[in-house]
């Protein structure tokens, strides 16, 4: 829930907010739920890494689709 709130807030704060506010939102949400700072930090970093890896995978899929389209168009 915190990552979603961070992402929504990130839309209004630009690129830096869109990249880093999900981390902050997830960490704050976990801290509010469990009151454990170490766990909240781990959850925030894990959320951020998951979003980063997911975005990289999406970009890779887009380039693969564009490559297949180019090959299909030429042959």
N, C-alpha and C. Protein backbone atom coordinates (compact mmCIF):
# COMPACT_ATOMS: atom_id res chain seq x y z
N UNK A 1 0.82 -1.19 0.00
CA UNK A 1 0.00 0.00 0.00
C UNK A 1 0.87 1.26 0.00
N UNK A 2 1.94 1.24 0.78
CA UNK A 2 2.81 2.41 0.86
C UNK A 2 3.50 2.70 -0.45
N UNK A 3 3.89 1.65 -1.19
CA UNK A 3 4.55 1.86 -2.48
C UNK A 3 3.58 2.47 -3.47
N UNK A 4 2.32 2.08 -3.41
CA UNK A 4 1.31 2.65 -4.30
C UNK A 4 1.12 4.14 -4.01
N UNK A 5 1.06 4.48 -2.74
CA UNK A 5 0.92 5.89 -2.36
C UNK A 5 2.16 6.66 -2.79
N UNK A 6 3.33 6.08 -2.61
CA UNK A 6 4.56 6.73 -3.05
C UNK A 6 4.61 6.92 -4.54
N UNK A 7 4.12 5.95 -5.29
CA UNK A 7 4.11 6.06 -6.75
C UNK A 7 3.15 7.16 -7.19
N UNK A 8 1.99 7.22 -6.59
CA UNK A 8 1.02 8.26 -6.94
C UNK A 8 1.59 9.63 -6.62
N UNK A 9 2.22 9.77 -5.46
CA UNK A 9 2.86 11.04 -5.11
C UNK A 9 4.01 11.34 -6.06
N UNK A 10 4.70 10.32 -6.51
CA UNK A 10 5.82 10.50 -7.43
C UNK A 10 5.40 11.04 -8.78
N UNK A 11 4.19 10.75 -9.19
CA UNK A 11 3.70 11.26 -10.47
C UNK A 11 3.68 12.78 -10.45
N UNK A 12 3.35 13.35 -9.31
CA UNK A 12 3.24 14.80 -9.20
C UNK A 12 4.55 15.49 -8.87
N UNK A 13 5.59 14.73 -8.54
CA UNK A 13 6.86 15.35 -8.16
C UNK A 13 7.95 15.17 -9.21
N UNK A 14 7.63 14.59 -10.33
CA UNK A 14 8.60 14.45 -11.40
C UNK A 14 9.36 13.15 -11.35
N UNK A 15 10.42 13.09 -12.13
CA UNK A 15 11.18 11.85 -12.32
C UNK A 15 11.82 11.36 -11.02
N UNK A 16 12.43 12.26 -10.27
CA UNK A 16 13.08 11.85 -9.02
C UNK A 16 12.05 11.29 -8.05
N UNK A 17 10.92 11.93 -7.95
CA UNK A 17 9.85 11.43 -7.08
C UNK A 17 9.32 10.09 -7.55
N UNK A 18 9.20 9.94 -8.85
CA UNK A 18 8.68 8.68 -9.40
C UNK A 18 9.64 7.52 -9.16
N UNK A 19 10.93 7.82 -9.10
CA UNK A 19 11.93 6.78 -8.88
C UNK A 19 12.07 6.46 -7.39
N UNK A 20 12.09 7.47 -6.52
CA UNK A 20 12.43 7.25 -5.12
C UNK A 20 11.25 7.25 -4.14
N UNK A 21 10.12 7.84 -4.49
CA UNK A 21 9.01 7.88 -3.54
C UNK A 21 8.36 6.52 -3.29
N UNK A 22 8.36 5.57 -4.24
CA UNK A 22 7.87 4.23 -3.87
C UNK A 22 8.70 3.59 -2.75
N UNK A 23 10.03 3.82 -2.76
CA UNK A 23 10.89 3.32 -1.70
C UNK A 23 10.48 3.94 -0.37
N UNK A 24 10.31 5.25 -0.35
CA UNK A 24 9.94 5.96 0.88
C UNK A 24 8.55 5.53 1.34
N UNK A 25 7.61 5.44 0.41
CA UNK A 25 6.25 5.05 0.77
C UNK A 25 6.17 3.64 1.35
N UNK A 26 6.90 2.71 0.75
CA UNK A 26 6.90 1.33 1.26
C UNK A 26 7.55 1.26 2.63
N UNK A 27 8.65 1.99 2.81
CA UNK A 27 9.33 1.98 4.10
C UNK A 27 8.46 2.61 5.18
N UNK A 28 7.82 3.73 4.86
CA UNK A 28 6.95 4.38 5.85
C UNK A 28 5.73 3.52 6.18
N UNK A 29 5.16 2.88 5.16
CA UNK A 29 4.02 2.00 5.40
C UNK A 29 4.39 0.81 6.27
N UNK A 30 5.52 0.21 6.02
CA UNK A 30 5.97 -0.93 6.83
C UNK A 30 6.31 -0.49 8.25
N UNK A 31 6.94 0.69 8.38
CA UNK A 31 7.28 1.18 9.70
C UNK A 31 6.01 1.49 10.51
N UNK A 32 5.01 2.04 9.85
CA UNK A 32 3.75 2.33 10.54
C UNK A 32 3.06 1.04 10.99
N UNK A 33 3.21 -0.02 10.22
CA UNK A 33 2.54 -1.28 10.56
C UNK A 33 3.29 -2.07 11.63
N UNK A 34 4.61 -2.14 11.54
CA UNK A 34 5.38 -3.04 12.42
C UNK A 34 6.26 -2.33 13.44
N UNK A 35 6.54 -1.05 13.26
CA UNK A 35 7.41 -0.28 14.16
C UNK A 35 8.81 -0.88 14.28
N UNK A 36 9.33 -1.39 13.17
CA UNK A 36 10.67 -1.95 13.13
C UNK A 36 11.44 -1.25 12.00
N UNK A 37 12.40 -0.42 12.36
CA UNK A 37 13.10 0.40 11.38
C UNK A 37 13.95 -0.43 10.42
N UNK A 38 14.60 -1.46 10.90
CA UNK A 38 15.44 -2.31 10.04
C UNK A 38 14.57 -3.02 9.00
N UNK A 39 13.48 -3.60 9.44
CA UNK A 39 12.57 -4.29 8.52
C UNK A 39 11.97 -3.31 7.51
N UNK A 40 11.61 -2.13 7.97
CA UNK A 40 11.04 -1.13 7.07
C UNK A 40 12.05 -0.73 6.00
N UNK A 41 13.31 -0.58 6.38
CA UNK A 41 14.35 -0.26 5.40
C UNK A 41 14.53 -1.37 4.38
N UNK A 42 14.51 -2.61 4.85
CA UNK A 42 14.65 -3.74 3.93
C UNK A 42 13.47 -3.82 2.96
N UNK A 43 12.27 -3.59 3.48
CA UNK A 43 11.08 -3.61 2.62
C UNK A 43 11.14 -2.49 1.60
N UNK A 44 11.57 -1.31 2.01
CA UNK A 44 11.69 -0.20 1.08
C UNK A 44 12.69 -0.48 -0.03
N UNK A 45 13.85 -0.99 0.32
CA UNK A 45 14.88 -1.31 -0.68
C UNK A 45 14.41 -2.44 -1.59
N UNK A 46 13.77 -3.45 -1.03
CA UNK A 46 13.28 -4.56 -1.85
C UNK A 46 12.21 -4.09 -2.83
N UNK A 47 11.34 -3.20 -2.37
CA UNK A 47 10.32 -2.65 -3.26
C UNK A 47 10.96 -1.87 -4.39
N UNK A 48 11.95 -1.05 -4.04
CA UNK A 48 12.63 -0.24 -5.04
C UNK A 48 13.34 -1.12 -6.07
N UNK A 49 14.03 -2.15 -5.59
CA UNK A 49 14.73 -3.05 -6.51
C UNK A 49 13.74 -3.80 -7.41
N UNK A 50 12.62 -4.21 -6.83
CA UNK A 50 11.60 -4.89 -7.63
C UNK A 50 11.05 -4.00 -8.73
N UNK A 51 10.78 -2.74 -8.39
CA UNK A 51 10.30 -1.81 -9.41
C UNK A 51 11.37 -1.55 -10.46
N UNK A 52 12.62 -1.45 -10.05
CA UNK A 52 13.71 -1.20 -10.98
C UNK A 52 13.91 -2.38 -11.93
N UNK A 53 13.91 -3.59 -11.40
CA UNK A 53 14.09 -4.78 -12.24
C UNK A 53 12.89 -4.98 -13.15
N UNK A 54 11.69 -4.73 -12.63
CA UNK A 54 10.49 -4.84 -13.46
C UNK A 54 10.50 -3.85 -14.62
N UNK A 55 10.94 -2.64 -14.36
CA UNK A 55 11.02 -1.63 -15.41
C UNK A 55 12.06 -2.02 -16.45
N UNK A 56 13.20 -2.52 -16.01
CA UNK A 56 14.23 -2.96 -16.94
C UNK A 56 13.73 -4.11 -17.82
N UNK A 57 12.98 -5.02 -17.23
CA UNK A 57 12.43 -6.14 -18.00
C UNK A 57 11.42 -5.63 -19.04
N UNK A 58 10.60 -4.66 -18.66
CA UNK A 58 9.64 -4.10 -19.61
C UNK A 58 10.34 -3.42 -20.77
N UNK A 59 11.41 -2.68 -20.47
CA UNK A 59 12.16 -2.01 -21.54
C UNK A 59 12.80 -3.05 -22.46
N UNK A 60 13.33 -4.12 -21.90
CA UNK A 60 13.92 -5.19 -22.71
C UNK A 60 12.87 -5.84 -23.61
N UNK A 61 11.69 -6.05 -23.09
CA UNK A 61 10.61 -6.65 -23.90
C UNK A 61 10.21 -5.71 -25.03
N UNK A 62 10.15 -4.41 -24.75
CA UNK A 62 9.81 -3.44 -25.79
C UNK A 62 10.84 -3.48 -26.91
N UNK A 63 12.13 -3.51 -26.56
CA UNK A 63 13.16 -3.56 -27.60
C UNK A 63 13.11 -4.87 -28.38
N UNK A 64 12.80 -5.97 -27.71
CA UNK A 64 12.66 -7.24 -28.42
C UNK A 64 11.48 -7.19 -29.39
N UNK A 65 10.38 -6.60 -28.97
CA UNK A 65 9.21 -6.47 -29.85
C UNK A 65 9.52 -5.57 -31.04
N UNK A 66 10.24 -4.47 -30.80
CA UNK A 66 10.62 -3.59 -31.90
C UNK A 66 11.56 -4.30 -32.88
N UNK A 67 12.48 -5.10 -32.34
CA UNK A 67 13.38 -5.87 -33.20
C UNK A 67 12.63 -6.88 -34.04
N UNK A 68 11.68 -7.60 -33.44
CA UNK A 68 10.89 -8.56 -34.19
C UNK A 68 10.04 -7.87 -35.26
N UNK A 69 9.51 -6.71 -34.93
CA UNK A 69 8.74 -5.96 -35.90
C UNK A 69 9.62 -5.54 -37.08
N UNK A 70 10.82 -5.07 -36.78
CA UNK A 70 11.74 -4.64 -37.85
C UNK A 70 12.11 -5.82 -38.74
N UNK A 71 12.39 -6.97 -38.13
CA UNK A 71 12.74 -8.15 -38.92
C UNK A 71 11.55 -8.60 -39.78
N UNK A 72 10.36 -8.59 -39.21
CA UNK A 72 9.17 -8.99 -39.95
C UNK A 72 8.86 -8.01 -41.09
N UNK A 73 9.17 -6.73 -40.86
CA UNK A 73 8.91 -5.73 -41.88
C UNK A 73 9.89 -5.85 -43.05
N UNK A 74 11.14 -6.23 -42.75
CA UNK A 74 12.14 -6.33 -43.80
C UNK A 74 12.06 -7.63 -44.59
N UNK A 75 11.56 -8.70 -43.99
CA UNK A 75 11.55 -9.99 -44.67
C UNK A 75 10.18 -10.46 -44.91
